[in-house]
Amino acid sequence: MLKSLLPFLFVVAAQLASFSQNVKISIISPRVLNDRHAILLTREKGFAAVVHSIQLGFDTTHLKMDKNLLPDLYQLQVSQLKGSLTFFFESGTVIRLDTGNVSRSVVTNSRSNLEWQLFNDSIQKPSDIKTNKWVVEEARARKKNQQDSTRYWLEKQRIEREDLLAETAAFIRRNPHSYVSLYLLKINWYVLKNLGLFELLDKSLATHRNYALLKAKRQEYSGAR
């Protein structure tokens, strides 16, 4: 019985191997943290799912991951350390761990993370600062029962949301080869789906899970029209 199953098991193993890759990540940390565990998380629909647990103290950690999962946005948490790091992970990424606050850790050897930082520093963070300011002003107006002022600050927030989406779309147009653009289109699909951005994405992204997801959504949307 076992002999008859061996060819089948070999084929299954070969197929699984073809869909996975050996991914490298290096986390540089003080020796005192050796044997601590770091956890890599990815977020889907607002929920965090444990992807991998990594033991600190090794120069390089090798992970077995599906080929279509990277590069993508991940989160790093370290046991008994404050904060978490959100970064674009791809094979070869190096993280120099900040033991005071993990969110301040430095990420290198990831081109996608440089593009992610560019988007955040030039588009997302400036928008967040303005939005937070308008929210504070709205709260003050509400506290004083100033209805006209409240409507004014709400309108400022609405305009800022629209500006952020316009800047996000412009980023995607300027960076059609970027996995960051693919990610941004995925999380903003329902408000950007009519702009033809998916068609602008380079076909080099087609092996990624997010590309397949967007392709299915586009076909579903086109069929419903």
Protein backbone atom coordinates (compact mmCIF):
# COMPACT_ATOMS: atom_id res chain seq x y z
CA MET A 1 0.00 0.00 0.00
CA LEU A 2 2.76 2.41 1.00
CA LYS A 3 4.73 1.66 -2.18
CA SER A 4 1.71 2.52 -4.30
CA LEU A 5 1.33 5.83 -2.50
CA LEU A 6 4.95 6.90 -2.83
CA PRO A 7 4.70 8.30 -6.42
CA PHE A 8 1.60 10.29 -5.43
CA LEU A 9 3.25 11.68 -2.28
CA PHE A 10 6.32 12.64 -4.28
CA VAL A 11 4.20 14.60 -6.77
CA VAL A 12 2.33 16.38 -3.96
CA ALA A 13 5.59 17.29 -2.23
CA ALA A 14 7.03 18.60 -5.49
CA GLN A 15 3.93 20.72 -6.10
CA LEU A 16 4.06 22.19 -2.58
CA ALA A 17 7.73 23.00 -3.02
CA SER A 18 7.00 24.76 -6.31
CA PHE A 19 4.58 27.10 -4.51
CA SER A 20 6.98 27.99 -1.69
CA GLN A 21 10.31 29.72 -1.39
CA ASN A 22 13.12 30.01 1.11
CA VAL A 23 12.83 33.54 2.55
CA LYS A 24 15.64 35.17 4.52
CA ILE A 25 15.25 37.77 7.27
CA SER A 26 17.91 39.13 9.64
CA ILE A 27 17.04 40.74 12.98
CA ILE A 28 20.05 42.41 14.58
CA SER A 29 19.62 42.72 18.35
CA PRO A 30 21.71 42.74 21.55
CA ARG A 31 22.86 39.36 22.88
CA VAL A 32 20.76 39.87 26.00
CA LEU A 33 17.70 39.29 23.79
CA ASN A 34 18.93 35.94 22.48
CA ASP A 35 16.22 33.29 22.74
CA ARG A 36 13.47 35.96 22.76
CA HIS A 37 10.80 35.41 20.17
CA ALA A 38 9.64 37.81 17.49
CA ILE A 39 6.36 37.34 15.67
CA LEU A 40 5.66 38.31 12.07
CA LEU A 41 2.03 39.27 11.44
CA THR A 42 0.12 40.13 8.32
CA ARG A 43 -3.24 41.88 8.37
CA GLU A 44 -6.30 40.83 6.40
CA LYS A 45 -9.57 42.75 6.72
CA GLY A 46 -8.35 44.39 9.92
CA PHE A 47 -7.47 41.15 11.69
CA ALA A 48 -3.96 40.05 12.59
CA ALA A 49 -2.90 36.48 11.85
CA VAL A 50 0.31 34.91 13.13
CA VAL A 51 2.50 34.09 10.15
CA HIS A 52 5.84 33.13 11.69
CA SER A 53 7.59 32.97 15.03
CA ILE A 54 11.30 33.84 14.95
CA GLN A 55 13.85 33.13 17.66
CA LEU A 56 16.30 35.99 18.09
CA GLY A 57 20.03 35.38 18.27
CA PHE A 58 20.65 34.06 14.75
CA ASP A 59 22.40 36.08 12.03
CA THR A 60 19.82 34.97 9.47
CA THR A 61 16.50 33.19 9.83
CA HIS A 62 15.19 31.09 6.96
CA LEU A 63 11.43 30.92 6.53
CA LYS A 64 9.40 28.78 4.16
CA MET A 65 6.70 30.96 2.60
CA ASP A 66 4.41 30.87 -0.42
CA LYS A 67 5.95 32.56 -3.45
CA ASN A 68 2.91 34.74 -3.98
CA LEU A 69 2.93 36.34 -0.51
CA LEU A 70 5.94 38.63 -0.82
CA PRO A 71 6.69 41.47 -0.90
CA ASP A 72 3.85 42.67 1.33
CA LEU A 73 3.11 44.69 4.44
CA TYR A 74 3.91 42.91 7.69
CA GLN A 75 4.13 43.74 11.37
CA LEU A 76 6.91 42.71 13.75
CA GLN A 77 6.38 42.27 17.49
CA VAL A 78 8.98 41.12 20.03
CA SER A 79 8.10 39.51 23.34
CA GLN A 80 8.44 41.86 26.33
CA LEU A 81 9.39 44.85 24.16
CA LYS A 82 7.29 47.97 23.64
CA GLY A 83 5.78 48.84 20.25
CA SER A 84 5.53 47.08 16.91
CA LEU A 85 7.13 47.68 13.52
CA THR A 86 5.08 47.94 10.34
CA PHE A 87 7.27 47.36 7.28
CA PHE A 88 7.29 45.99 3.75
CA PHE A 89 8.90 42.57 3.97
CA GLU A 90 10.76 40.86 1.15
CA SER A 91 13.44 38.19 1.18
CA GLY A 92 16.76 39.53 2.46
CA THR A 93 15.24 42.21 4.69
CA VAL A 94 17.45 43.29 7.60
CA ILE A 95 15.98 44.82 10.76
CA ARG A 96 18.16 46.56 13.34
CA LEU A 97 16.01 46.23 16.44
CA ASP A 98 15.35 49.27 18.63
CA THR A 99 14.95 47.82 22.13
CA GLY A 100 13.35 51.01 23.50
CA ASN A 101 10.49 50.89 21.00
CA VAL A 102 10.25 48.30 18.26
CA SER A 103 8.44 50.80 16.01
CA ARG A 104 11.70 52.80 15.75
CA SER A 105 13.66 49.83 14.37
CA VAL A 106 15.58 50.42 11.13
CA VAL A 107 14.72 48.34 8.05
CA THR A 108 17.25 47.88 5.23
CA ASN A 109 17.70 45.60 2.20
CA SER A 110 14.07 46.01 1.14
CA ARG A 111 13.39 48.14 -1.91
CA SER A 112 9.65 47.85 -1.29
CA ASN A 113 10.08 49.22 2.22
CA LEU A 114 11.87 52.29 0.83
CA GLU A 115 8.88 52.87 -1.45
CA TRP A 116 6.53 52.33 1.50
CA GLN A 117 8.45 54.91 3.54
CA LEU A 118 8.30 57.33 0.61
CA PHE A 119 4.51 56.98 0.44
CA ASN A 120 4.13 57.39 4.19
CA ASP A 121 6.50 60.34 4.55
CA SER A 122 5.29 62.30 1.52
CA ILE A 123 1.58 61.42 1.44
CA GLN A 124 0.11 59.49 4.38
CA LYS A 125 1.72 61.24 7.36
CA PRO A 126 1.13 64.84 6.13
CA SER A 127 -2.51 63.91 5.50
CA ASP A 128 -2.84 62.34 8.96
CA ILE A 129 -1.41 65.48 10.60
CA LYS A 130 -3.93 67.74 8.82
CA THR A 131 -6.84 65.37 9.49
CA ASN A 132 -6.00 65.13 13.19
CA LYS A 133 -5.89 68.93 13.38
CA TRP A 134 -9.33 69.24 11.74
CA VAL A 135 -10.74 66.58 14.12
CA VAL A 136 -9.51 68.57 17.14
CA GLU A 137 -11.03 71.77 15.77
CA GLU A 138 -14.31 69.96 15.10
CA ALA A 139 -14.39 68.69 18.70
CA ARG A 140 -13.84 72.23 20.01
CA ALA A 141 -16.64 73.59 17.85
CA ARG A 142 -19.00 70.85 19.01
CA LYS A 143 -18.13 71.56 22.64
CA LYS A 144 -19.07 75.22 22.11
CA ASN A 145 -22.18 74.20 20.14
CA GLN A 146 -20.93 76.14 17.10
CA GLN A 147 -22.82 74.37 14.31
CA ASP A 148 -21.40 76.41 11.42
CA SER A 149 -17.84 75.80 12.62
CA THR A 150 -18.56 72.11 13.13
CA ARG A 151 -19.77 71.79 9.53
CA TYR A 152 -16.72 73.73 8.34
CA TRP A 153 -14.25 71.36 10.04
CA LEU A 154 -16.18 68.30 8.88
CA GLU A 155 -15.94 69.60 5.31
CA LYS A 156 -12.18 70.11 5.76
CA GLN A 157 -11.90 66.45 6.79
CA ARG A 158 -13.92 65.32 3.77
CA ILE A 159 -11.72 67.33 1.42
CA GLU A 160 -8.59 65.91 3.02
CA ARG A 161 -9.87 62.34 2.54
CA GLU A 162 -10.46 63.07 -1.13
CA ASP A 163 -7.01 64.67 -1.45
CA LEU A 164 -5.41 61.61 0.17
CA LEU A 165 -7.14 59.28 -2.29
CA ALA A 166 -6.08 61.48 -5.21
CA GLU A 167 -2.46 61.47 -4.01
CA THR A 168 -2.60 57.70 -3.49
CA ALA A 169 -3.86 57.21 -7.04
CA ALA A 170 -1.10 59.49 -8.34
CA PHE A 171 1.49 57.43 -6.44
CA ILE A 172 0.19 54.24 -8.07
CA ARG A 173 0.35 55.84 -11.52
CA ARG A 174 3.95 56.96 -10.93
CA ASN A 175 5.01 53.56 -9.59
CA PRO A 176 3.29 50.84 -11.67
CA HIS A 177 6.10 48.33 -10.97
CA SER A 178 5.81 48.70 -7.18
CA TYR A 179 4.35 46.09 -4.84
CA VAL A 180 3.44 49.05 -2.63
CA SER A 181 1.19 50.34 -5.41
CA LEU A 182 -0.39 46.87 -5.62
CA TYR A 183 -1.02 46.91 -1.87
CA LEU A 184 -2.43 50.45 -1.88
CA LEU A 185 -4.82 49.58 -4.70
CA LYS A 186 -5.96 46.48 -2.81
CA ILE A 187 -6.83 48.34 0.40
CA ASN A 188 -8.47 51.23 -1.48
CA TRP A 189 -10.10 49.19 -4.24
CA TYR A 190 -13.70 50.22 -3.70
CA VAL A 191 -12.94 53.93 -3.96
CA LEU A 192 -10.31 53.69 -6.72
CA LYS A 193 -11.79 50.92 -8.89
CA ASN A 194 -13.14 53.29 -11.55
CA LEU A 195 -9.81 54.97 -12.30
CA GLY A 196 -8.29 52.21 -14.47
CA LEU A 197 -5.33 51.80 -12.10
CA PHE A 198 -5.29 48.00 -12.22
CA GLU A 199 -4.63 48.10 -15.97
CA LEU A 200 -1.60 50.33 -15.32
CA LEU A 201 0.10 47.84 -13.00
CA ASP A 202 3.11 46.12 -14.52
CA LYS A 203 2.66 42.44 -15.38
CA SER A 204 5.74 41.62 -13.28
CA LEU A 205 3.37 41.85 -10.27
CA ALA A 206 1.03 39.21 -11.69
CA THR A 207 2.42 36.31 -9.61
CA HIS A 208 1.49 38.03 -6.34
CA ARG A 209 -1.64 37.01 -4.44
CA ASN A 210 -2.82 40.64 -4.26
CA TYR A 211 -2.73 40.91 -8.06
CA ALA A 212 -4.86 37.78 -8.42
CA LEU A 213 -7.27 39.16 -5.82
CA LEU A 214 -7.63 42.47 -7.66
CA LYS A 215 -8.02 40.72 -11.01
CA ALA A 216 -10.92 38.71 -9.60
CA LYS A 217 -12.49 41.85 -8.10
CA ARG A 218 -12.15 43.70 -11.41
CA GLN A 219 -13.80 40.84 -13.31
CA GLU A 220 -16.58 40.68 -10.72
CA TYR A 221 -17.11 44.45 -10.96
CA SER A 222 -17.07 44.41 -14.76
CA GLY A 223 -19.60 41.58 -14.86
CA ALA A 224 -21.94 43.43 -12.52
CA ARG A 225 -22.03 46.57 -14.65
